[in-house]
Amino acid sequence: MSYTVFVRTWWKKNSSWPGGREPGVGRKTVIGRVSTESEAREMAQRYNMSHSPGFLSKKAEYESN
C-alpha cells in the first residue's frame, strides 16, 4: 500500500459569514507520495509544524492509495 500526502484548506472566504469565512473543503494539492503510513504521518506533521495554517486553515493530511 502507498500513501499520498496533500494540503488543502478547510474554510472559504465569505464576508457575509461571522468572521469572514464559512466552512468549505478546498482542493487537494499533493506534496508527496510515500510507502508507509508512518512516513505519511511524519511528512504531514513536518509540513504542519513548519507552515502556518492561516485564515483558511490550510493543513497537510494523507490518504492511502
PDB file of N, CA and C in Angstrom:
ATOM      1  N   MET A   1       0.848  -1.183   0.000  1.00  0.00           N
ATOM      2  CA  MET A   1       0.000   0.000   0.000  1.00  0.00           C
ATOM      3  C   MET A   1       0.889   1.240   0.000  1.00  0.00           C
ATOM      4  N   SER A   2       0.422   2.282  -0.630  1.00  0.00           N
ATOM      5  CA  SER A   2       1.155   3.556  -0.629  1.00  0.00           C
ATOM      6  C   SER A   2       0.228   4.653  -0.112  1.00  0.00           C
ATOM      7  N   TYR A   3       0.820   5.816   0.171  1.00  0.00           N
ATOM      8  CA  TYR A   3       0.084   6.930   0.758  1.00  0.00           C
ATOM      9  C   TYR A   3       0.396   8.215   0.003  1.00  0.00           C
ATOM     10  N   THR A   4      -0.605   9.043  -0.142  1.00  0.00           N
ATOM     11  CA  THR A   4      -0.453  10.356  -0.764  1.00  0.00           C
ATOM     12  C   THR A   4      -0.627  11.403   0.322  1.00  0.00           C
ATOM     13  N   VAL A   5       0.323  12.325   0.397  1.00  0.00           N
ATOM     14  CA  VAL A   5       0.270  13.421   1.366  1.00  0.00           C
ATOM     15  C   VAL A   5      -0.118  14.679   0.585  1.00  0.00           C
ATOM     16  N   PHE A   6      -1.059  15.438   1.115  1.00  0.00           N
ATOM     17  CA  PHE A   6      -1.569  16.616   0.408  1.00  0.00           C
ATOM     18  C   PHE A   6      -1.929  17.708   1.401  1.00  0.00           C
ATOM     19  N   VAL A   7      -2.110  18.906   0.890  1.00  0.00           N
ATOM     20  CA  VAL A   7      -2.600  20.030   1.687  1.00  0.00           C
ATOM     21  C   VAL A   7      -3.905  20.521   1.089  1.00  0.00           C
ATOM     22  N   ARG A   8      -4.753  21.072   1.949  1.00  0.00           N
ATOM     23  CA  ARG A   8      -5.990  21.709   1.491  1.00  0.00           C
ATOM     24  C   ARG A   8      -6.495  22.627   2.597  1.00  0.00           C
ATOM     25  N   THR A   9      -7.376  23.519   2.227  1.00  0.00           N
ATOM     26  CA  THR A   9      -7.979  24.436   3.188  1.00  0.00           C
ATOM     27  C   THR A   9      -9.296  23.841   3.692  1.00  0.00           C
ATOM     28  N   TRP A  10      -9.736  24.340   4.849  1.00  0.00           N
ATOM     29  CA  TRP A  10     -10.980  23.872   5.447  1.00  0.00           C
ATOM     30  C   TRP A  10     -12.042  24.966   5.513  1.00  0.00           C
ATOM     31  N   TRP A  11     -11.706  26.165   5.061  1.00  0.00           N
ATOM     32  CA  TRP A  11     -12.643  27.289   5.053  1.00  0.00           C
ATOM     33  C   TRP A  11     -12.546  28.004   3.714  1.00  0.00           C
ATOM     34  N   LYS A  12     -13.601  28.754   3.374  1.00  0.00           N
ATOM     35  CA  LYS A  12     -13.537  29.637   2.216  1.00  0.00           C
ATOM     36  C   LYS A  12     -14.025  31.017   2.646  1.00  0.00           C
ATOM     37  N   LYS A  13     -13.505  32.028   1.989  1.00  0.00           N
ATOM     38  CA  LYS A  13     -13.862  33.402   2.336  1.00  0.00           C
ATOM     39  C   LYS A  13     -15.320  33.676   1.995  1.00  0.00           C
ATOM     40  N   ASN A  14     -15.990  34.347   2.915  1.00  0.00           N
ATOM     41  CA  ASN A  14     -17.363  34.782   2.699  1.00  0.00           C
ATOM     42  C   ASN A  14     -17.626  35.920   3.684  1.00  0.00           C
ATOM     43  N   SER A  15     -17.628  37.131   3.189  1.00  0.00           N
ATOM     44  CA  SER A  15     -17.759  38.303   4.053  1.00  0.00           C
ATOM     45  C   SER A  15     -19.103  38.380   4.767  1.00  0.00           C
ATOM     46  N   SER A  16     -20.105  37.646   4.310  1.00  0.00           N
ATOM     47  CA  SER A  16     -21.414  37.695   4.979  1.00  0.00           C
ATOM     48  C   SER A  16     -21.503  36.705   6.146  1.00  0.00           C
ATOM     49  N   TRP A  17     -20.512  35.876   6.336  1.00  0.00           N
ATOM     50  CA  TRP A  17     -20.477  34.952   7.475  1.00  0.00           C
ATOM     51  C   TRP A  17     -19.726  35.591   8.634  1.00  0.00           C
ATOM     52  N   PRO A  18     -20.032  35.194   9.866  1.00  0.00           N
ATOM     53  CA  PRO A  18     -19.274  35.702  11.015  1.00  0.00           C
ATOM     54  C   PRO A  18     -17.786  35.353  10.863  1.00  0.00           C
ATOM     55  N   GLY A  19     -16.943  36.314  11.078  1.00  0.00           N
ATOM     56  CA  GLY A  19     -15.508  36.081  10.945  1.00  0.00           C
ATOM     57  C   GLY A  19     -15.006  36.143   9.512  1.00  0.00           C
ATOM     58  N   GLY A  20     -15.888  36.314   8.559  1.00  0.00           N
ATOM     59  CA  GLY A  20     -15.486  36.461   7.164  1.00  0.00           C
ATOM     60  C   GLY A  20     -15.155  35.174   6.440  1.00  0.00           C
ATOM     61  N   ARG A  21     -15.553  34.039   7.006  1.00  0.00           N
ATOM     62  CA  ARG A  21     -15.296  32.763   6.331  1.00  0.00           C
ATOM     63  C   ARG A  21     -16.379  31.758   6.692  1.00  0.00           C
ATOM     64  N   GLU A  22     -16.597  30.799   5.785  1.00  0.00           N
ATOM     65  CA  GLU A  22     -17.574  29.745   6.008  1.00  0.00           C
ATOM     66  C   GLU A  22     -16.907  28.391   5.765  1.00  0.00           C
ATOM     67  N   PRO A  23     -17.450  27.310   6.339  1.00  0.00           N
ATOM     68  CA  PRO A  23     -16.861  26.002   6.098  1.00  0.00           C
ATOM     69  C   PRO A  23     -16.842  25.673   4.606  1.00  0.00           C
ATOM     70  N   GLY A  24     -15.753  25.130   4.151  1.00  0.00           N
ATOM     71  CA  GLY A  24     -15.632  24.760   2.749  1.00  0.00           C
ATOM     72  C   GLY A  24     -14.317  24.057   2.498  1.00  0.00           C
ATOM     73  N   VAL A  25     -14.374  22.779   2.186  1.00  0.00           N
ATOM     74  CA  VAL A  25     -13.163  21.988   1.952  1.00  0.00           C
ATOM     75  C   VAL A  25     -12.595  22.322   0.582  1.00  0.00           C
ATOM     76  N   GLY A  26     -11.301  22.693   0.559  1.00  0.00           N
ATOM     77  CA  GLY A  26     -10.637  23.057  -0.691  1.00  0.00           C
ATOM     78  C   GLY A  26     -10.082  21.865  -1.449  1.00  0.00           C
ATOM     79  N   ARG A  27      -9.529  22.162  -2.613  1.00  0.00           N
ATOM     80  CA  ARG A  27      -8.910  21.129  -3.440  1.00  0.00           C
ATOM     81  C   ARG A  27      -7.632  20.603  -2.815  1.00  0.00           C
ATOM     82  N   LYS A  28      -7.350  19.350  -3.068  1.00  0.00           N
ATOM     83  CA  LYS A  28      -6.128  18.723  -2.579  1.00  0.00           C
ATOM     84  C   LYS A  28      -4.968  19.096  -3.494  1.00  0.00           C
ATOM     85  N   THR A  29      -3.846  19.491  -2.875  1.00  0.00           N
ATOM     86  CA  THR A  29      -2.603  19.732  -3.607  1.00  0.00           C
ATOM     87  C   THR A  29      -1.579  18.745  -3.061  1.00  0.00           C
ATOM     88  N   VAL A  30      -1.153  17.805  -3.897  1.00  0.00           N
ATOM     89  CA  VAL A  30      -0.238  16.749  -3.474  1.00  0.00           C
ATOM     90  C   VAL A  30       1.146  17.333  -3.189  1.00  0.00           C
ATOM     91  N   ILE A  31       1.702  16.941  -2.025  1.00  0.00           N
ATOM     92  CA  ILE A  31       3.055  17.369  -1.677  1.00  0.00           C
ATOM     93  C   ILE A  31       4.021  16.183  -1.606  1.00  0.00           C
ATOM     94  N   GLY A  32       3.497  14.957  -1.689  1.00  0.00           N
ATOM     95  CA  GLY A  32       4.380  13.799  -1.683  1.00  0.00           C
ATOM     96  C   GLY A  32       3.640  12.481  -1.712  1.00  0.00           C
ATOM     97  N   ARG A  33       4.388  11.436  -2.074  1.00  0.00           N
ATOM     98  CA  ARG A  33       3.884  10.075  -2.056  1.00  0.00           C
ATOM     99  C   ARG A  33       4.915   9.217  -1.328  1.00  0.00           C
ATOM    100  N   VAL A  34       4.453   8.387  -0.420  1.00  0.00           N
ATOM    101  CA  VAL A  34       5.359   7.566   0.377  1.00  0.00           C
ATOM    102  C   VAL A  34       4.814   6.143   0.481  1.00  0.00           C
ATOM    103  N   SER A  35       5.638   5.241   1.019  1.00  0.00           N
ATOM    104  CA  SER A  35       5.296   3.821   1.074  1.00  0.00           C
ATOM    105  C   SER A  35       4.574   3.389   2.338  1.00  0.00           C
ATOM    106  N   THR A  36       4.826   4.071   3.457  1.00  0.00           N
ATOM    107  CA  THR A  36       4.245   3.626   4.720  1.00  0.00           C
ATOM    108  C   THR A  36       3.422   4.729   5.376  1.00  0.00           C
ATOM    109  N   GLU A  37       2.517   4.312   6.251  1.00  0.00           N
ATOM    110  CA  GLU A  37       1.694   5.286   6.960  1.00  0.00           C
ATOM    111  C   GLU A  37       2.538   6.141   7.899  1.00  0.00           C
ATOM    112  N   SER A  38       3.550   5.559   8.507  1.00  0.00           N
ATOM    113  CA  SER A  38       4.397   6.349   9.413  1.00  0.00           C
ATOM    114  C   SER A  38       5.141   7.437   8.648  1.00  0.00           C
ATOM    115  N   GLU A  39       5.581   7.153   7.417  1.00  0.00           N
ATOM    116  CA  GLU A  39       6.228   8.186   6.590  1.00  0.00           C
ATOM    117  C   GLU A  39       5.223   9.279   6.237  1.00  0.00           C
ATOM    118  N   ALA A  40       3.999   8.885   5.914  1.00  0.00           N
ATOM    119  CA  ALA A  40       2.956   9.862   5.564  1.00  0.00           C
ATOM    120  C   ALA A  40       2.627  10.747   6.757  1.00  0.00           C
ATOM    121  N   ARG A  41       2.470  10.147   7.917  1.00  0.00           N
ATOM    122  CA  ARG A  41       2.172  10.902   9.131  1.00  0.00           C
ATOM    123  C   ARG A  41       3.289  11.887   9.428  1.00  0.00           C
ATOM    124  N   GLU A  42       4.527  11.420   9.315  1.00  0.00           N
ATOM    125  CA  GLU A  42       5.678  12.297   9.587  1.00  0.00           C
ATOM    126  C   GLU A  42       5.741  13.462   8.603  1.00  0.00           C
ATOM    127  N   MET A  43       5.503  13.193   7.330  1.00  0.00           N
ATOM    128  CA  MET A  43       5.538  14.260   6.316  1.00  0.00           C
ATOM    129  C   MET A  43       4.457  15.297   6.594  1.00  0.00           C
ATOM    130  N   ALA A  44       3.260  14.845   6.923  1.00  0.00           N
ATOM    131  CA  ALA A  44       2.156  15.773   7.214  1.00  0.00           C
ATOM    132  C   ALA A  44       2.454  16.584   8.473  1.00  0.00           C
ATOM    133  N   GLN A  45       2.964  15.934   9.494  1.00  0.00           N
ATOM    134  CA  GLN A  45       3.292  16.651  10.737  1.00  0.00           C
ATOM    135  C   GLN A  45       4.396  17.676  10.510  1.00  0.00           C
ATOM    136  N   ARG A  46       5.414  17.297   9.734  1.00  0.00           N
ATOM    137  CA  ARG A  46       6.506  18.239   9.434  1.00  0.00           C
ATOM    138  C   ARG A  46       5.975  19.467   8.709  1.00  0.00           C
ATOM    139  N   TYR A  47       5.114  19.244   7.719  1.00  0.00           N
ATOM    140  CA  TYR A  47       4.522  20.367   6.989  1.00  0.00           C
ATOM    141  C   TYR A  47       3.731  21.259   7.945  1.00  0.00           C
ATOM    142  N   ASN A  48       2.866  20.663   8.754  1.00  0.00           N
ATOM    143  CA  ASN A  48       2.007  21.443   9.642  1.00  0.00           C
ATOM    144  C   ASN A  48       2.801  22.208  10.696  1.00  0.00           C
ATOM    145  N   MET A  49       3.933  21.671  11.118  1.00  0.00           N
ATOM    146  CA  MET A  49       4.765  22.371  12.104  1.00  0.00           C
ATOM    147  C   MET A  49       5.542  23.531  11.486  1.00  0.00           C
ATOM    148  N   SER A  50       5.824  23.456  10.186  1.00  0.00           N
ATOM    149  CA  SER A  50       6.646  24.483   9.551  1.00  0.00           C
ATOM    150  C   SER A  50       5.840  25.488   8.719  1.00  0.00           C
ATOM    151  N   HIS A  51       4.526  25.316   8.643  1.00  0.00           N
ATOM    152  CA  HIS A  51       3.671  26.228   7.877  1.00  0.00           C
ATOM    153  C   HIS A  51       2.495  26.677   8.742  1.00  0.00           C
ATOM    154  N   SER A  52       2.242  27.961   8.732  1.00  0.00           N
ATOM    155  CA  SER A  52       1.080  28.495   9.436  1.00  0.00           C
ATOM    156  C   SER A  52      -0.182  28.118   8.653  1.00  0.00           C
ATOM    157  N   PRO A  53      -1.234  27.663   9.328  1.00  0.00           N
ATOM    158  CA  PRO A  53      -2.453  27.300   8.607  1.00  0.00           C
ATOM    159  C   PRO A  53      -3.181  28.504   8.013  1.00  0.00           C
ATOM    160  N   GLY A  54      -2.932  29.681   8.547  1.00  0.00           N
ATOM    161  CA  GLY A  54      -3.532  30.891   8.000  1.00  0.00           C
ATOM    162  C   GLY A  54      -5.035  30.986   8.222  1.00  0.00           C
ATOM    163  N   PHE A  55      -5.620  31.988   7.636  1.00  0.00           N
ATOM    164  CA  PHE A  55      -7.033  32.324   7.805  1.00  0.00           C
ATOM    165  C   PHE A  55      -7.966  31.196   7.350  1.00  0.00           C
ATOM    166  N   LEU A  56      -7.561  30.469   6.294  1.00  0.00           N
ATOM    167  CA  LEU A  56      -8.426  29.432   5.740  1.00  0.00           C
ATOM    168  C   LEU A  56      -8.079  28.035   6.252  1.00  0.00           C
ATOM    169  N   SER A  57      -7.175  27.953   7.226  1.00  0.00           N
ATOM    170  CA  SER A  57      -6.788  26.700   7.876  1.00  0.00           C
ATOM    171  C   SER A  57      -6.256  25.658   6.880  1.00  0.00           C
ATOM    172  N   LYS A  58      -5.191  26.017   6.177  1.00  0.00           N
ATOM    173  CA  LYS A  58      -4.555  25.108   5.228  1.00  0.00           C
ATOM    174  C   LYS A  58      -3.657  24.139   5.985  1.00  0.00           C
ATOM    175  N   LYS A  59      -3.939  22.837   5.876  1.00  0.00           N
ATOM    176  CA  LYS A  59      -3.205  21.833   6.631  1.00  0.00           C
ATOM    177  C   LYS A  59      -2.903  20.613   5.770  1.00  0.00           C
ATOM    178  N   ALA A  60      -1.842  19.891   6.141  1.00  0.00           N
ATOM    179  CA  ALA A  60      -1.462  18.666   5.453  1.00  0.00           C
ATOM    180  C   ALA A  60      -2.219  17.484   6.050  1.00  0.00           C
ATOM    181  N   GLU A  61      -2.550  16.546   5.173  1.00  0.00           N
ATOM    182  CA  GLU A  61      -3.206  15.305   5.541  1.00  0.00           C
ATOM    183  C   GLU A  61      -2.645  14.205   4.646  1.00  0.00           C
ATOM    184  N   TYR A  62      -3.098  12.982   4.872  1.00  0.00           N
ATOM    185  CA  TYR A  62      -2.691  11.903   3.978  1.00  0.00           C
ATOM    186  C   TYR A  62      -3.824  10.905   3.814  1.00  0.00           C
ATOM    187  N   GLU A  63      -3.737  10.123   2.737  1.00  0.00           N
ATOM    188  CA  GLU A  63      -4.707   9.073   2.482  1.00  0.00           C
ATOM    189  C   GLU A  63      -4.003   7.894   1.829  1.00  0.00           C
ATOM    190  N   SER A  64      -4.550   6.709   2.024  1.00  0.00           N
ATOM    191  CA  SER A  64      -3.968   5.519   1.406  1.00  0.00           C
ATOM    192  C   SER A  64      -4.456   5.406  -0.039  1.00  0.00           C
ATOM    193  N   ASN A  65      -3.629   4.788  -0.859  1.00  0.00           N
ATOM    194  CA  ASN A  65      -3.982   4.597  -2.277  1.00  0.00           C
ATOM    195  C   ASN A  65      -4.345   3.149  -2.541  1.00  0.00           C
TER     196      ASN A  65
END
